Amino acid sequence: QVQLVASGGGLVQAGGSLRLSCAASGLVFSSYAMGWFRQAPGEEREFVAAINWSGDYIYYGDSMKGRFTISRDNAKNTVYLQMNSLKPEDTAVYCCAASNLPSRTKYEYHYWGQGTQVTVSS
């Protein structure tokens, strides 16, 4: 079975930082692009960041540029999301996903994890 397990979420004050991790198993990790999406209560799922298999192509959502950094370690089958200068509007469940190519569109992703909760207090 393919599993994508996200961790690292929690409660943080505005202006603080968190580093999320997503550990993959059941697939050839280095063959996949990886993405992060988030969803707040009552809101649609929103694109956060994506990275191709080698890390040479990286994309971010507009509100994440300059604050978030996506990276991956293929030797550890893990993709990361470093989040700095967090704002209350960043509060959401953050999920990682796998696709053939990096994409801003959720429909392009084949596998999804359950996600980890990030809460930013004012």
PDB file of N, CA and C in Angstrom:
ATOM      1  N   GLN A   1       0.831  -1.186   0.000  1.00  0.00           N
ATOM      2  CA  GLN A   1       0.000   0.000   0.000  1.00  0.00           C
ATOM      3  C   GLN A   1       0.872   1.245   0.000  1.00  0.00           C
ATOM      4  N   VAL A   2       0.447   2.249  -0.749  1.00  0.00           N
ATOM      5  CA  VAL A   2       1.114   3.535  -0.740  1.00  0.00           C
ATOM      6  C   VAL A   2       0.642   4.315   0.477  1.00  0.00           C
ATOM      7  N   GLN A   3       1.596   4.833   1.235  1.00  0.00           N
ATOM      8  CA  GLN A   3       1.271   5.646   2.395  1.00  0.00           C
ATOM      9  C   GLN A   3       2.107   6.909   2.394  1.00  0.00           C
ATOM     10  N   LEU A   4       1.448   8.020   2.670  1.00  0.00           N
ATOM     11  CA  LEU A   4       2.098   9.311   2.821  1.00  0.00           C
ATOM     12  C   LEU A   4       1.705   9.842   4.193  1.00  0.00           C
ATOM     13  N   VAL A   5       2.656   9.893   5.101  1.00  0.00           N
ATOM     14  CA  VAL A   5       2.382  10.243   6.488  1.00  0.00           C
ATOM     15  C   VAL A   5       3.005  11.588   6.802  1.00  0.00           C
ATOM     16  N   ALA A   6       2.159  12.583   7.026  1.00  0.00           N
ATOM     17  CA  ALA A   6       2.619  13.927   7.349  1.00  0.00           C
ATOM     18  C   ALA A   6       2.736  14.103   8.854  1.00  0.00           C
ATOM     19  N   SER A   7       3.715  14.887   9.270  1.00  0.00           N
ATOM     20  CA  SER A   7       3.930  15.167  10.680  1.00  0.00           C
ATOM     21  C   SER A   7       4.561  16.541  10.834  1.00  0.00           C
ATOM     22  N   GLY A   8       4.626  17.020  12.066  1.00  0.00           N
ATOM     23  CA  GLY A   8       5.268  18.291  12.358  1.00  0.00           C
ATOM     24  C   GLY A   8       4.327  19.441  12.612  1.00  0.00           C
ATOM     25  N   GLY A   9       3.039  19.223  12.449  1.00  0.00           N
ATOM     26  CA  GLY A   9       2.083  20.277  12.709  1.00  0.00           C
ATOM     27  C   GLY A   9       1.928  20.537  14.195  1.00  0.00           C
ATOM     28  N   GLY A  10       1.238  21.619  14.518  1.00  0.00           N
ATOM     29  CA  GLY A  10       1.019  21.978  15.904  1.00  0.00           C
ATOM     30  C   GLY A  10       0.521  23.395  16.033  1.00  0.00           C
ATOM     31  N   LEU A  11       0.590  23.912  17.247  1.00  0.00           N
ATOM     32  CA  LEU A  11       0.148  25.260  17.565  1.00  0.00           C
ATOM     33  C   LEU A  11       1.354  26.186  17.654  1.00  0.00           C
ATOM     34  N   VAL A  12       1.285  27.307  16.947  1.00  0.00           N
ATOM     35  CA  VAL A  12       2.380  28.265  16.937  1.00  0.00           C
ATOM     36  C   VAL A  12       1.805  29.675  16.899  1.00  0.00           C
ATOM     37  N   GLN A  13       2.516  30.620  17.490  1.00  0.00           N
ATOM     38  CA  GLN A  13       2.085  32.017  17.457  1.00  0.00           C
ATOM     39  C   GLN A  13       2.391  32.656  16.109  1.00  0.00           C
ATOM     40  N   ALA A  14       1.622  33.675  15.775  1.00  0.00           N
ATOM     41  CA  ALA A  14       1.873  34.422  14.551  1.00  0.00           C
ATOM     42  C   ALA A  14       3.315  34.911  14.512  1.00  0.00           C
ATOM     43  N   GLY A  15       3.944  34.773  13.351  1.00  0.00           N
ATOM     44  CA  GLY A  15       5.339  35.125  13.187  1.00  0.00           C
ATOM     45  C   GLY A  15       6.302  33.982  13.433  1.00  0.00           C
ATOM     46  N   GLY A  16       5.812  32.880  13.954  1.00  0.00           N
ATOM     47  CA  GLY A  16       6.647  31.735  14.243  1.00  0.00           C
ATOM     48  C   GLY A  16       6.856  30.837  13.043  1.00  0.00           C
ATOM     49  N   SER A  17       7.514  29.698  13.287  1.00  0.00           N
ATOM     50  CA  SER A  17       7.879  28.777  12.219  1.00  0.00           C
ATOM     51  C   SER A  17       7.525  27.343  12.583  1.00  0.00           C
ATOM     52  N   LEU A  18       7.288  26.540  11.560  1.00  0.00           N
ATOM     53  CA  LEU A  18       7.101  25.109  11.687  1.00  0.00           C
ATOM     54  C   LEU A  18       7.745  24.426  10.498  1.00  0.00           C
ATOM     55  N   ARG A  19       8.203  23.206  10.705  1.00  0.00           N
ATOM     56  CA  ARG A  19       8.721  22.387   9.623  1.00  0.00           C
ATOM     57  C   ARG A  19       7.911  21.098   9.540  1.00  0.00           C
ATOM     58  N   LEU A  20       7.205  20.924   8.440  1.00  0.00           N
ATOM     59  CA  LEU A  20       6.413  19.731   8.212  1.00  0.00           C
ATOM     60  C   LEU A  20       7.229  18.696   7.445  1.00  0.00           C
ATOM     61  N   SER A  21       6.979  17.427   7.729  1.00  0.00           N
ATOM     62  CA  SER A  21       7.606  16.327   7.021  1.00  0.00           C
ATOM     63  C   SER A  21       6.531  15.397   6.481  1.00  0.00           C
ATOM     64  N   CYS A  22       6.827  14.746   5.374  1.00  0.00           N
ATOM     65  CA  CYS A  22       5.940  13.742   4.804  1.00  0.00           C
ATOM     66  C   CYS A  22       6.786  12.549   4.401  1.00  0.00           C
ATOM     67  N   ALA A  23       6.606  11.439   5.099  1.00  0.00           N
ATOM     68  CA  ALA A  23       7.349  10.220   4.831  1.00  0.00           C
ATOM     69  C   ALA A  23       6.531   9.309   3.932  1.00  0.00           C
ATOM     70  N   ALA A  24       7.126   8.875   2.832  1.00  0.00           N
ATOM     71  CA  ALA A  24       6.438   8.053   1.842  1.00  0.00           C
ATOM     72  C   ALA A  24       6.916   6.613   1.904  1.00  0.00           C
ATOM     73  N   SER A  25       5.998   5.695   1.633  1.00  0.00           N
ATOM     74  CA  SER A  25       6.331   4.281   1.539  1.00  0.00           C
ATOM     75  C   SER A  25       5.396   3.619   0.534  1.00  0.00           C
ATOM     76  N   GLY A  26       5.808   2.465   0.012  1.00  0.00           N
ATOM     77  CA  GLY A  26       4.983   1.734  -0.939  1.00  0.00           C
ATOM     78  C   GLY A  26       5.067   2.230  -2.366  1.00  0.00           C
ATOM     79  N   LEU A  27       5.991   3.127  -2.658  1.00  0.00           N
ATOM     80  CA  LEU A  27       6.201   3.633  -4.008  1.00  0.00           C
ATOM     81  C   LEU A  27       7.673   3.963  -4.204  1.00  0.00           C
ATOM     82  N   VAL A  28       8.083   4.083  -5.458  1.00  0.00           N
ATOM     83  CA  VAL A  28       9.444   4.508  -5.758  1.00  0.00           C
ATOM     84  C   VAL A  28       9.466   6.021  -5.636  1.00  0.00           C
ATOM     85  N   PHE A  29       9.886   6.501  -4.481  1.00  0.00           N
ATOM     86  CA  PHE A  29       9.752   7.909  -4.142  1.00  0.00           C
ATOM     87  C   PHE A  29      10.442   8.814  -5.151  1.00  0.00           C
ATOM     88  N   SER A  30      11.628   8.448  -5.593  1.00  0.00           N
ATOM     89  CA  SER A  30      12.396   9.296  -6.500  1.00  0.00           C
ATOM     90  C   SER A  30      11.780   9.403  -7.888  1.00  0.00           C
ATOM     91  N   SER A  31      10.759   8.608  -8.192  1.00  0.00           N
ATOM     92  CA  SER A  31      10.080   8.678  -9.480  1.00  0.00           C
ATOM     93  C   SER A  31       8.928   9.673  -9.492  1.00  0.00           C
ATOM     94  N   TYR A  32       8.600  10.258  -8.342  1.00  0.00           N
ATOM     95  CA  TYR A  32       7.417  11.093  -8.218  1.00  0.00           C
ATOM     96  C   TYR A  32       7.749  12.535  -7.890  1.00  0.00           C
ATOM     97  N   ALA A  33       6.953  13.424  -8.454  1.00  0.00           N
ATOM     98  CA  ALA A  33       6.885  14.780  -7.949  1.00  0.00           C
ATOM     99  C   ALA A  33       6.021  14.784  -6.692  1.00  0.00           C
ATOM    100  N   MET A  34       6.281  15.728  -5.798  1.00  0.00           N
ATOM    101  CA  MET A  34       5.537  15.816  -4.552  1.00  0.00           C
ATOM    102  C   MET A  34       4.954  17.208  -4.393  1.00  0.00           C
ATOM    103  N   GLY A  35       3.799  17.257  -3.752  1.00  0.00           N
ATOM    104  CA  GLY A  35       3.143  18.532  -3.528  1.00  0.00           C
ATOM    105  C   GLY A  35       2.571  18.632  -2.130  1.00  0.00           C
ATOM    106  N   TRP A  36       2.344  19.873  -1.710  1.00  0.00           N
ATOM    107  CA  TRP A  36       1.648  20.166  -0.461  1.00  0.00           C
ATOM    108  C   TRP A  36       0.393  20.972  -0.779  1.00  0.00           C
ATOM    109  N   PHE A  37      -0.705  20.594  -0.153  1.00  0.00           N
ATOM    110  CA  PHE A  37      -1.960  21.323  -0.222  1.00  0.00           C
ATOM    111  C   PHE A  37      -2.463  21.570   1.191  1.00  0.00           C
ATOM    112  N   ARG A  38      -3.333  22.558   1.332  1.00  0.00           N
ATOM    113  CA  ARG A  38      -3.917  22.818   2.638  1.00  0.00           C
ATOM    114  C   ARG A  38      -5.405  23.083   2.493  1.00  0.00           C
ATOM    115  N   GLN A  39      -6.139  22.832   3.570  1.00  0.00           N
ATOM    116  CA  GLN A  39      -7.571  23.053   3.571  1.00  0.00           C
ATOM    117  C   GLN A  39      -8.017  23.510   4.951  1.00  0.00           C
ATOM    118  N   ALA A  40      -8.620  24.683   4.995  1.00  0.00           N
ATOM    119  CA  ALA A  40      -9.189  25.223   6.215  1.00  0.00           C
ATOM    120  C   ALA A  40     -10.668  24.854   6.282  1.00  0.00           C
ATOM    121  N   PRO A  41     -11.257  24.829   7.477  1.00  0.00           N
ATOM    122  CA  PRO A  41     -12.681  24.491   7.600  1.00  0.00           C
ATOM    123  C   PRO A  41     -13.555  25.380   6.735  1.00  0.00           C
ATOM    124  N   GLY A  42     -14.438  24.767   5.948  1.00  0.00           N
ATOM    125  CA  GLY A  42     -15.336  25.506   5.088  1.00  0.00           C
ATOM    126  C   GLY A  42     -14.709  26.075   3.840  1.00  0.00           C
ATOM    127  N   GLU A  43     -13.437  25.796   3.588  1.00  0.00           N
ATOM    128  CA  GLU A  43     -12.739  26.329   2.430  1.00  0.00           C
ATOM    129  C   GLU A  43     -12.344  25.207   1.477  1.00  0.00           C
ATOM    130  N   GLU A  44     -12.070  25.578   0.228  1.00  0.00           N
ATOM    131  CA  GLU A  44     -11.592  24.615  -0.752  1.00  0.00           C
ATOM    132  C   GLU A  44     -10.123  24.296  -0.515  1.00  0.00           C
ATOM    133  N   ARG A  45      -9.705  23.149  -0.984  1.00  0.00           N
ATOM    134  CA  ARG A  45      -8.305  22.768  -0.897  1.00  0.00           C
ATOM    135  C   ARG A  45      -7.453  23.713  -1.738  1.00  0.00           C
ATOM    136  N   GLU A  46      -6.355  24.180  -1.169  1.00  0.00           N
ATOM    137  CA  GLU A  46      -5.528  25.201  -1.784  1.00  0.00           C
ATOM    138  C   GLU A  46      -4.111  24.684  -2.034  1.00  0.00           C
ATOM    139  N   PHE A  47      -3.570  24.993  -3.197  1.00  0.00           N
ATOM    140  CA  PHE A  47      -2.206  24.607  -3.532  1.00  0.00           C
ATOM    141  C   PHE A  47      -1.211  25.393  -2.696  1.00  0.00           C
ATOM    142  N   VAL A  48      -0.206  24.700  -2.168  1.00  0.00           N
ATOM    143  CA  VAL A  48       0.824  25.321  -1.342  1.00  0.00           C
ATOM    144  C   VAL A  48       2.171  25.328  -2.056  1.00  0.00           C
ATOM    145  N   ALA A  49       2.647  24.148  -2.463  1.00  0.00           N
ATOM    146  CA  ALA A  49       3.968  24.043  -3.076  1.00  0.00           C
ATOM    147  C   ALA A  49       4.102  22.698  -3.777  1.00  0.00           C
ATOM    148  N   ALA A  50       5.018  22.621  -4.747  1.00  0.00           N
ATOM    149  CA  ALA A  50       5.295  21.374  -5.448  1.00  0.00           C
ATOM    150  C   ALA A  50       6.760  21.326  -5.842  1.00  0.00           C
ATOM    151  N   ILE A  51       7.287  20.109  -5.987  1.00  0.00           N
ATOM    152  CA  ILE A  51       8.688  19.904  -6.317  1.00  0.00           C
ATOM    153  C   ILE A  51       8.810  18.665  -7.189  1.00  0.00           C
ATOM    154  N   ASN A  52       9.636  18.740  -8.237  1.00  0.00           N
ATOM    155  CA  ASN A  52       9.808  17.579  -9.097  1.00  0.00           C
ATOM    156  C   ASN A  52      10.749  16.569  -8.448  1.00  0.00           C
ATOM    157  N   TRP A  53      11.009  15.478  -9.149  1.00  0.00           N
ATOM    158  CA  TRP A  53      11.736  14.361  -8.546  1.00  0.00           C
ATOM    159  C   TRP A  53      13.132  14.730  -8.077  1.00  0.00           C
ATOM    160  N   SER A  54      13.794  15.648  -8.790  1.00  0.00           N
ATOM    161  CA  SER A  54      15.173  15.999  -8.497  1.00  0.00           C
ATOM    162  C   SER A  54      15.313  17.275  -7.673  1.00  0.00           C
ATOM    163  N   GLY A  55      14.229  18.031  -7.525  1.00  0.00           N
ATOM    164  CA  GLY A  55      14.284  19.304  -6.827  1.00  0.00           C
ATOM    165  C   GLY A  55      14.661  20.477  -7.705  1.00  0.00           C
ATOM    166  N   ASP A  56      14.761  20.271  -9.012  1.00  0.00           N
ATOM    167  CA  ASP A  56      15.153  21.334  -9.935  1.00  0.00           C
ATOM    168  C   ASP A  56      14.001  22.242 -10.332  1.00  0.00           C
ATOM    169  N   TYR A  57      12.778  21.783 -10.158  1.00  0.00           N
ATOM    170  CA  TYR A  57      11.600  22.575 -10.503  1.00  0.00           C
ATOM    171  C   TYR A  57      10.712  22.675  -9.277  1.00  0.00           C
ATOM    172  N   ILE A  58      10.486  23.899  -8.825  1.00  0.00           N
ATOM    173  CA  ILE A  58       9.747  24.166  -7.598  1.00  0.00           C
ATOM    174  C   ILE A  58       8.720  25.259  -7.855  1.00  0.00           C
ATOM    175  N   TYR A  59       7.516  25.083  -7.312  1.00  0.00           N
ATOM    176  CA  TYR A  59       6.433  26.044  -7.498  1.00  0.00           C
ATOM    177  C   TYR A  59       5.748  26.293  -6.164  1.00  0.00           C
ATOM    178  N   TYR A  60       5.248  27.528  -5.986  1.00  0.00           N
ATOM    179  CA  TYR A  60       4.559  27.914  -4.765  1.00  0.00           C
ATOM    180  C   TYR A  60       3.254  28.617  -5.083  1.00  0.00           C
ATOM    181  N   GLY A  61       2.305  28.507  -4.164  1.00  0.00           N
ATOM    182  CA  GLY A  61       1.135  29.341  -4.241  1.00  0.00           C
ATOM    183  C   GLY A  61       1.496  30.788  -3.964  1.00  0.00           C
ATOM    184  N   ASP A  62       0.664  31.711  -4.454  1.00  0.00           N
ATOM    185  CA  ASP A  62       1.002  33.128  -4.383  1.00  0.00           C
ATOM    186  C   ASP A  62       1.219  33.614  -2.947  1.00  0.00           C
ATOM    187  N   SER A  63       0.387  33.196  -2.030  1.00  0.00           N
ATOM    188  CA  SER A  63       0.484  33.677  -0.659  1.00  0.00           C
ATOM    189  C   SER A  63       1.614  33.024   0.132  1.00  0.00           C
ATOM    190  N   MET A  64       2.264  32.016  -0.425  1.00  0.00           N
ATOM    191  CA  MET A  64       3.338  31.305   0.246  1.00  0.00           C
ATOM    192  C   MET A  64       4.730  31.781  -0.169  1.00  0.00           C
ATOM    193  N   LYS A  65       4.835  32.445  -1.293  1.00  0.00           N
ATOM    194  CA  LYS A  65       6.142  32.864  -1.803  1.00  0.00           C
ATOM    195  C   LYS A  65       6.858  33.762  -0.809  1.00  0.00           C
ATOM    196  N   GLY A  66       8.129  33.449  -0.586  1.00  0.00           N
ATOM    197  CA  GLY A  66       8.943  34.223   0.330  1.00  0.00           C
ATOM    198  C   GLY A  66       8.834  33.785   1.770  1.00  0.00           C
ATOM    199  N   ARG A  67       7.879  32.930   2.091  1.00  0.00           N
ATOM    200  CA  ARG A  67       7.685  32.471   3.459  1.00  0.00           C
ATOM    201  C   ARG A  67       7.878  30.965   3.614  1.00  0.00           C
ATOM    202  N   PHE A  68       7.471  30.199   2.611  1.00  0.00           N
ATOM    203  CA  PHE A  68       7.537  28.737   2.677  1.00  0.00           C
ATOM    204  C   PHE A  68       8.627  28.217   1.747  1.00  0.00           C
ATOM    205  N   THR A  69       9.229  27.090   2.125  1.00  0.00           N
ATOM    206  CA  THR A  69      10.239  26.442   1.308  1.00  0.00           C
ATOM    207  C   THR A  69       9.981  24.941   1.267  1.00  0.00           C
ATOM    208  N   ILE A  70       9.851  24.397   0.065  1.00  0.00           N
ATOM    209  CA  ILE A  70       9.687  22.961  -0.096  1.00  0.00           C
ATOM    210  C   ILE A  70      11.034  22.346  -0.470  1.00  0.00           C
ATOM    211  N   SER A  71      11.302  21.154   0.048  1.00  0.00           N
ATOM    212  CA  SER A  71      12.528  20.436  -0.268  1.00  0.00           C
ATOM    213  C   SER A  71      12.263  18.944  -0.142  1.00  0.00           C
ATOM    214  N   ARG A  72      13.216  18.143  -0.603  1.00  0.00           N
ATOM    215  CA  ARG A  72      13.038  16.693  -0.491  1.00  0.00           C
ATOM    216  C   ARG A  72      14.382  16.013  -0.291  1.00  0.00           C
ATOM    217  N   ASP A  73      14.333  14.848   0.327  1.00  0.00           N
ATOM    218  CA  ASP A  73      15.502  14.009   0.531  1.00  0.00           C
ATOM    219  C   ASP A  73      15.121  12.618   0.041  1.00  0.00           C
ATOM    220  N   ASN A  74      15.540  12.290  -1.172  1.00  0.00           N
ATOM    221  CA  ASN A  74      15.145  11.017  -1.767  1.00  0.00           C
ATOM    222  C   ASN A  74      15.737   9.820  -1.032  1.00  0.00           C
ATOM    223  N   ALA A  75      16.876   9.997  -0.393  1.00  0.00           N
ATOM    224  CA  ALA A  75      17.477   8.918   0.376  1.00  0.00           C
ATOM    225  C   ALA A  75      16.635   8.556   1.591  1.00  0.00           C
ATOM    226  N   LYS A  76      15.834   9.517   2.082  1.00  0.00           N
ATOM    227  CA  LYS A  76      14.970   9.292   3.234  1.00  0.00           C
ATOM    228  C   LYS A  76      13.504   9.149   2.858  1.00  0.00           C
ATOM    229  N   ASN A  77      13.201   9.202   1.568  1.00  0.00           N
ATOM    230  CA  ASN A  77      11.811   9.114   1.092  1.00  0.00           C
ATOM    231  C   ASN A  77      10.924  10.141   1.783  1.00  0.00           C
ATOM    232  N   THR A  78      11.421  11.359   1.890  1.00  0.00           N
ATOM    233  CA  THR A  78      10.733  12.379   2.659  1.00  0.00           C
ATOM    234  C   THR A  78      10.737  13.716   1.925  1.00  0.00           C
ATOM    235  N   VAL A  79       9.598  14.396   1.965  1.00  0.00           N
ATOM    236  CA  VAL A  79       9.484  15.759   1.466  1.00  0.00           C
ATOM    237  C   VAL A  79       9.168  16.665   2.649  1.00  0.00           C
ATOM    238  N   TYR A  80       9.701  17.894   2.625  1.00  0.00           N
ATOM    239  CA  TYR A  80       9.571  18.822   3.738  1.00  0.00           C
ATOM    240  C   TYR A  80       8.887  20.106   3.290  1.00  0.00           C
ATOM    241  N   LEU A  81       8.302  20.783   4.256  1.00  0.00           N
ATOM    242  CA  LEU A  81       7.773  22.120   4.038  1.00  0.00           C
ATOM    243  C   LEU A  81       8.172  22.985   5.225  1.00  0.00           C
ATOM    244  N   GLN A  82       9.124  23.880   5.003  1.00  0.00           N
ATOM    245  CA  GLN A  82       9.533  24.838   6.021  1.00  0.00           C
ATOM    246  C   GLN A  82       8.639  26.064   5.921  1.00  0.00           C
ATOM    247  N   MET A  83       7.976  26.414   7.011  1.00  0.00           N
ATOM    248  CA  MET A  83       7.041  27.526   7.034  1.00  0.00           C
ATOM    249  C   MET A  83       7.527  28.573   8.023  1.00  0.00           C
ATOM    250  N   ASN A  84       7.785  29.774   7.524  1.00  0.00           N
ATOM    251  CA  ASN A  84       8.243  30.890   8.343  1.00  0.00           C
ATOM    252  C   ASN A  84       7.233  32.028   8.276  1.00  0.00           C
ATOM    253  N   SER A  85       7.343  32.955   9.217  1.00  0.00           N
ATOM    254  CA  SER A  85       6.466  34.128   9.263  1.00  0.00           C
ATOM    255  C   SER A  85       5.004  33.729   9.163  1.00  0.00           C
ATOM    256  N   LEU A  86       4.617  32.768   9.960  1.00  0.00           N
ATOM    257  CA  LEU A  86       3.264  32.229   9.880  1.00  0.00           C
ATOM    258  C   LEU A  86       2.224  33.253  10.310  1.00  0.00           C
ATOM    259  N   LYS A  87       1.073  33.171   9.660  1.00  0.00           N
ATOM    260  CA  LYS A  87      -0.048  34.062   9.905  1.00  0.00           C
ATOM    261  C   LYS A  87      -1.266  33.244  10.323  1.00  0.00           C
ATOM    262  N   PRO A  88      -2.205  33.854  11.043  1.00  0.00           N
ATOM    263  CA  PRO A  88      -3.416  33.116  11.416  1.00  0.00           C
ATOM    264  C   PRO A  88      -4.142  32.515  10.212  1.00  0.00           C
ATOM    265  N   GLU A  89      -4.105  33.167   9.067  1.00  0.00           N
ATOM    266  CA  GLU A  89      -4.763  32.643   7.884  1.00  0.00           C
ATOM    267  C   GLU A  89      -4.067  31.416   7.295  1.00  0.00           C
ATOM    268  N   ASP A  90      -2.899  31.049   7.815  1.00  0.00           N
ATOM    269  CA  ASP A  90      -2.237  29.811   7.425  1.00  0.00           C
ATOM    270  C   ASP A  90      -2.808  28.595   8.143  1.00  0.00           C
ATOM    271  N   THR A  91      -3.681  28.815   9.103  1.00  0.00           N
ATOM    272  CA  THR A  91      -4.279  27.722   9.855  1.00  0.00           C
ATOM    273  C   THR A  91      -5.063  26.802   8.924  1.00  0.00           C
ATOM    274  N   ALA A  92      -4.709  25.515   8.920  1.00  0.00           N
ATOM    275  CA  ALA A  92      -5.339  24.551   8.021  1.00  0.00           C
ATOM    276  C   ALA A  92      -4.762  23.169   8.295  1.00  0.00           C
ATOM    277  N   VAL A  93      -5.373  22.167   7.679  1.00  0.00           N
ATOM    278  CA  VAL A  93      -4.783  20.843   7.610  1.00  0.00           C
ATOM    279  C   VAL A  93      -3.906  20.794   6.369  1.00  0.00           C
ATOM    280  N   TYR A  94      -2.649  20.446   6.543  1.00  0.00           N
ATOM    281  CA  TYR A  94      -1.693  20.389   5.449  1.00  0.00           C
ATOM    282  C   TYR A  94      -1.471  18.940   5.036  1.00  0.00           C
ATOM    283  N   CYS A  95      -1.685  18.648   3.747  1.00  0.00           N
ATOM    284  CA  CYS A  95      -1.562  17.299   3.214  1.00  0.00           C
ATOM    285  C   CYS A  95      -0.472  17.241   2.154  1.00  0.00           C
ATOM    286  N   CYS A  96       0.249  16.142   2.108  1.00  0.00           N
ATOM    287  CA  CYS A  96       1.199  15.916   1.034  1.00  0.00           C
ATOM    288  C   CYS A  96       0.598  14.944   0.029  1.00  0.00           C
ATOM    289  N   ALA A  97       1.079  15.015  -1.213  1.00  0.00           N
ATOM    290  CA  ALA A  97       0.546  14.205  -2.296  1.00  0.00           C
ATOM    291  C   ALA A  97       1.640  13.918  -3.313  1.00  0.00           C
ATOM    292  N   ALA A  98       1.434  12.862  -4.115  1.00  0.00           N
ATOM    293  CA  ALA A  98       2.403  12.439  -5.120  1.00  0.00           C
ATOM    294  C   ALA A  98       1.786  12.478  -6.511  1.00  0.00           C
ATOM    295  N   SER A  99       2.567  12.936  -7.497  1.00  0.00           N
ATOM    296  CA  SER A  99       2.110  13.030  -8.876  1.00  0.00           C
ATOM    297  C   SER A  99       3.254  12.694  -9.826  1.00  0.00           C
ATOM    298  N   ASN A 100       2.917  12.515 -11.115  1.00  0.00           N
ATOM    299  CA  ASN A 100       3.951  12.269 -12.118  1.00  0.00           C
ATOM    300  C   ASN A 100       4.797  13.505 -12.379  1.00  0.00           C
ATOM    301  N   LEU A 101       4.133  14.670 -12.393  1.00  0.00           N
ATOM    302  CA  LEU A 101       4.801  15.942 -12.621  1.00  0.00           C
ATOM    303  C   LEU A 101       4.310  16.948 -11.607  1.00  0.00           C
ATOM    304  N   PRO A 102       5.131  17.917 -11.240  1.00  0.00           N
ATOM    305  CA  PRO A 102       4.664  18.928 -10.290  1.00  0.00           C
ATOM    306  C   PRO A 102       3.536  19.744 -10.887  1.00  0.00           C
ATOM    307  N   SER A 103       2.506  19.971 -10.105  1.00  0.00           N
ATOM    308  CA  SER A 103       1.309  20.639 -10.596  1.00  0.00           C
ATOM    309  C   SER A 103       0.661  21.448  -9.488  1.00  0.00           C
ATOM    310  N   ARG A 104      -0.021  22.525  -9.887  1.00  0.00           N
ATOM    311  CA  ARG A 104      -0.812  23.334  -8.966  1.00  0.00           C
ATOM    312  C   ARG A 104      -2.228  22.800  -8.813  1.00  0.00           C
ATOM    313  N   THR A 105      -2.583  21.795  -9.597  1.00  0.00           N
ATOM    314  CA  THR A 105      -3.943  21.282  -9.653  1.00  0.00           C
ATOM    315  C   THR A 105      -4.060  19.984  -8.876  1.00  0.00           C
ATOM    316  N   LYS A 106      -4.991  19.942  -7.951  1.00  0.00           N
ATOM    317  CA  LYS A 106      -5.132  18.781  -7.088  1.00  0.00           C
ATOM    318  C   LYS A 106      -5.490  17.513  -7.855  1.00  0.00           C
ATOM    319  N   TYR A 107      -6.129  17.653  -9.012  1.00  0.00           N
ATOM    320  CA  TYR A 107      -6.569  16.487  -9.776  1.00  0.00           C
ATOM    321  C   TYR A 107      -5.410  15.725 -10.408  1.00  0.00           C
ATOM    322  N   GLU A 108      -4.240  16.306 -10.463  1.00  0.00           N
ATOM    323  CA  GLU A 108      -3.083  15.662 -11.072  1.00  0.00           C
ATOM    324  C   GLU A 108      -2.360  14.713 -10.114  1.00  0.00           C
ATOM    325  N   TYR A 109      -2.756  14.699  -8.864  1.00  0.00           N
ATOM    326  CA  TYR A 109      -2.048  13.906  -7.862  1.00  0.00           C
ATOM    327  C   TYR A 109      -2.712  12.554  -7.662  1.00  0.00           C
ATOM    328  N   HIS A 110      -1.896  11.507  -7.652  1.00  0.00           N
ATOM    329  CA  HIS A 110      -2.385  10.137  -7.586  1.00  0.00           C
ATOM    330  C   HIS A 110      -2.597   9.638  -6.164  1.00  0.00           C
ATOM    331  N   TYR A 111      -1.758  10.076  -5.233  1.00  0.00           N
ATOM    332  CA  TYR A 111      -1.798   9.590  -3.867  1.00  0.00           C
ATOM    333  C   TYR A 111      -1.818  10.752  -2.899  1.00  0.00           C
ATOM    334  N   TRP A 112      -2.551  10.573  -1.798  1.00  0.00           N
ATOM    335  CA  TRP A 112      -2.720  11.606  -0.789  1.00  0.00           C
ATOM    336  C   TRP A 112      -2.521  11.042   0.606  1.00  0.00           C
ATOM    337  N   GLY A 113      -1.947  11.848   1.466  1.00  0.00           N
ATOM    338  CA  GLY A 113      -1.863  11.524   2.873  1.00  0.00           C
ATOM    339  C   GLY A 113      -3.006  12.155   3.645  1.00  0.00           C
ATOM    340  N   GLN A 114      -3.127  11.810   4.914  1.00  0.00           N
ATOM    341  CA  GLN A 114      -4.212  12.327   5.752  1.00  0.00           C
ATOM    342  C   GLN A 114      -3.960  13.752   6.228  1.00  0.00           C
ATOM    343  N   GLY A 115      -2.715  14.150   6.314  1.00  0.00           N
ATOM    344  CA  GLY A 115      -2.400  15.523   6.663  1.00  0.00           C
ATOM    345  C   GLY A 115      -2.091  15.726   8.133  1.00  0.00           C
ATOM    346  N   THR A 116      -1.614  16.924   8.437  1.00  0.00           N
ATOM    347  CA  THR A 116      -1.281  17.322   9.793  1.00  0.00           C
ATOM    348  C   THR A 116      -1.826  18.719  10.055  1.00  0.00           C
ATOM    349  N   GLN A 117      -2.355  18.939  11.251  1.00  0.00           N
ATOM    350  CA  GLN A 117      -3.004  20.201  11.590  1.00  0.00           C
ATOM    351  C   GLN A 117      -1.977  21.259  11.961  1.00  0.00           C
ATOM    352  N   VAL A 118      -2.117  22.434  11.354  1.00  0.00           N
ATOM    353  CA  VAL A 118      -1.315  23.605  11.698  1.00  0.00           C
ATOM    354  C   VAL A 118      -2.262  24.693  12.185  1.00  0.00           C
ATOM    355  N   THR A 119      -2.023  25.190  13.388  1.00  0.00           N
ATOM    356  CA  THR A 119      -2.843  26.250  13.960  1.00  0.00           C
ATOM    357  C   THR A 119      -1.949  27.415  14.348  1.00  0.00           C
ATOM    358  N   VAL A 120      -2.255  28.595  13.826  1.00  0.00           N
ATOM    359  CA  VAL A 120      -1.473  29.795  14.094  1.00  0.00           C
ATOM    360  C   VAL A 120      -2.339  30.760  14.880  1.00  0.00           C
ATOM    361  N   SER A 121      -1.920  31.094  16.083  1.00  0.00           N
ATOM    362  CA  SER A 121      -2.678  31.989  16.946  1.00  0.00           C
ATOM    363  C   SER A 121      -2.214  33.427  16.759  1.00  0.00           C
ATOM    364  N   SER A 122      -3.125  34.363  17.004  1.00  0.00           N
ATOM    365  CA  SER A 122      -2.817  35.778  16.883  1.00  0.00           C
ATOM    366  C   SER A 122      -2.249  36.332  18.171  1.00  0.00           C
TER     367      SER A 122
END
